[in-house]
Amino acid sequence: MRLLSAADGHELDERRLRADLARDNGGRIGPVLDRPGWERVMGGLLRDGLAHRAGRIVRLGAATIGA
């Protein structure tokens, strides 16, 4: 959420977002997320309307019609 909030247009390419998280570690404790872990995290953000995907782009906030 912090990386998306700071990004231009509140959006990042999903690969860049994952790479930035791995590099930054965001103050997390524990291992860097593997693919299933990443999908669980993204699934939660999408389900809760905190982020949405548009192709390979992850955007902050819920998707809107026509966006």
C-alpha atoms as a PDB file:
ATOM      1  CA  MET A   1       0.000   0.000   0.000  1.00  0.00           C
ATOM      2  CA  ARG A   2       2.838   2.395   0.859  1.00  0.00           C
ATOM      3  CA  LEU A   3       4.590   1.827  -2.475  1.00  0.00           C
ATOM      4  CA  LEU A   4       1.368   2.290  -4.456  1.00  0.00           C
ATOM      5  CA  SER A   5       0.504   5.428  -2.479  1.00  0.00           C
ATOM      6  CA  ALA A   6       3.888   6.949  -3.310  1.00  0.00           C
ATOM      7  CA  ALA A   7       3.844   5.978  -7.019  1.00  0.00           C
ATOM      8  CA  ASP A   8       2.855   8.385  -9.796  1.00  0.00           C
ATOM      9  CA  GLY A   9      -0.846   7.908 -10.443  1.00  0.00           C
ATOM     10  CA  HIS A  10      -0.953   5.429  -7.533  1.00  0.00           C
ATOM     11  CA  GLU A  11      -0.144   2.591  -9.921  1.00  0.00           C
ATOM     12  CA  LEU A  12       2.787   0.267 -10.652  1.00  0.00           C
ATOM     13  CA  ASP A  13       3.532  -2.606 -12.971  1.00  0.00           C
ATOM     14  CA  GLU A  14       2.992  -5.765 -10.891  1.00  0.00           C
ATOM     15  CA  ARG A  15       6.526  -7.035 -11.550  1.00  0.00           C
ATOM     16  CA  ARG A  16       8.014  -3.732 -10.441  1.00  0.00           C
ATOM     17  CA  LEU A  17       5.829  -3.711  -7.325  1.00  0.00           C
ATOM     18  CA  ARG A  18       7.018  -7.203  -6.363  1.00  0.00           C
ATOM     19  CA  ALA A  19      10.649  -6.276  -7.063  1.00  0.00           C
ATOM     20  CA  ASP A  20      10.374  -3.057  -5.038  1.00  0.00           C
ATOM     21  CA  LEU A  21       8.836  -4.988  -2.126  1.00  0.00           C
ATOM     22  CA  ALA A  22      11.602  -7.573  -2.224  1.00  0.00           C
ATOM     23  CA  ARG A  23      14.293  -4.888  -2.322  1.00  0.00           C
ATOM     24  CA  ASP A  24      12.715  -2.631   0.301  1.00  0.00           C
ATOM     25  CA  ASN A  25      11.310  -5.363   2.587  1.00  0.00           C
ATOM     26  CA  GLY A  26       8.969  -2.688   3.967  1.00  0.00           C
ATOM     27  CA  GLY A  27      10.140  -3.321   7.527  1.00  0.00           C
ATOM     28  CA  ARG A  28       8.583  -6.776   7.435  1.00  0.00           C
ATOM     29  CA  ILE A  29       9.804  -9.565   9.617  1.00  0.00           C
ATOM     30  CA  GLY A  30      10.236 -12.884   7.848  1.00  0.00           C
ATOM     31  CA  PRO A  31      11.020 -14.138   4.365  1.00  0.00           C
ATOM     32  CA  VAL A  32      10.257 -12.377   1.108  1.00  0.00           C
ATOM     33  CA  LEU A  33       6.959 -13.548  -0.331  1.00  0.00           C
ATOM     34  CA  ASP A  34       6.984 -16.464  -2.755  1.00  0.00           C
ATOM     35  CA  ARG A  35       4.468 -16.636  -5.623  1.00  0.00           C
ATOM     36  CA  PRO A  36       1.645 -18.276  -3.586  1.00  0.00           C
ATOM     37  CA  GLY A  37       2.224 -15.771  -0.773  1.00  0.00           C
ATOM     38  CA  TRP A  38       2.136 -12.872  -3.231  1.00  0.00           C
ATOM     39  CA  GLU A  39      -1.147 -14.151  -4.698  1.00  0.00           C
ATOM     40  CA  ARG A  40      -2.666 -14.428  -1.192  1.00  0.00           C
ATOM     41  CA  VAL A  41      -1.657 -10.845  -0.376  1.00  0.00           C
ATOM     42  CA  MET A  42      -2.897  -9.510  -3.723  1.00  0.00           C
ATOM     43  CA  GLY A  43      -6.098 -11.536  -3.410  1.00  0.00           C
ATOM     44  CA  GLY A  44      -6.803  -9.906  -0.056  1.00  0.00           C
ATOM     45  CA  LEU A  45      -6.141  -6.397  -1.377  1.00  0.00           C
ATOM     46  CA  LEU A  46      -8.364  -7.034  -4.397  1.00  0.00           C
ATOM     47  CA  ARG A  47     -11.143  -8.634  -2.348  1.00  0.00           C
ATOM     48  CA  ASP A  48     -11.125  -5.762   0.166  1.00  0.00           C
ATOM     49  CA  GLY A  49     -11.189  -3.143  -2.617  1.00  0.00           C
ATOM     50  CA  LEU A  50      -7.859  -1.637  -1.555  1.00  0.00           C
ATOM     51  CA  ALA A  51      -6.250  -2.273  -4.955  1.00  0.00           C
ATOM     52  CA  HIS A  52      -7.200  -3.576  -8.380  1.00  0.00           C
ATOM     53  CA  ARG A  53      -5.447  -4.997 -11.416  1.00  0.00           C
ATOM     54  CA  ALA A  54      -5.770  -3.633 -14.922  1.00  0.00           C
ATOM     55  CA  GLY A  55      -3.738  -6.053 -17.002  1.00  0.00           C
ATOM     56  CA  ARG A  56      -0.252  -6.056 -15.462  1.00  0.00           C
ATOM     57  CA  ILE A  57      -0.847  -2.748 -13.663  1.00  0.00           C
ATOM     58  CA  VAL A  58      -1.797  -2.693  -9.976  1.00  0.00           C
ATOM     59  CA  ARG A  59      -3.689   0.445  -8.945  1.00  0.00           C
ATOM     60  CA  LEU A  60      -4.603   1.713  -5.539  1.00  0.00           C
ATOM     61  CA  GLY A  61      -8.335   1.584  -4.773  1.00  0.00           C
ATOM     62  CA  ALA A  62     -11.287  -0.319  -6.118  1.00  0.00           C
ATOM     63  CA  ALA A  63     -11.870  -0.665  -9.851  1.00  0.00           C
ATOM     64  CA  THR A  64     -14.498   1.619 -11.345  1.00  0.00           C
ATOM     65  CA  ILE A  65     -16.525   1.172 -14.504  1.00  0.00           C
ATOM     66  CA  GLY A  66     -14.753   2.741 -17.465  1.00  0.00           C
ATOM     67  CA  ALA A  67     -11.423   3.058 -15.655  1.00  0.00           C
END
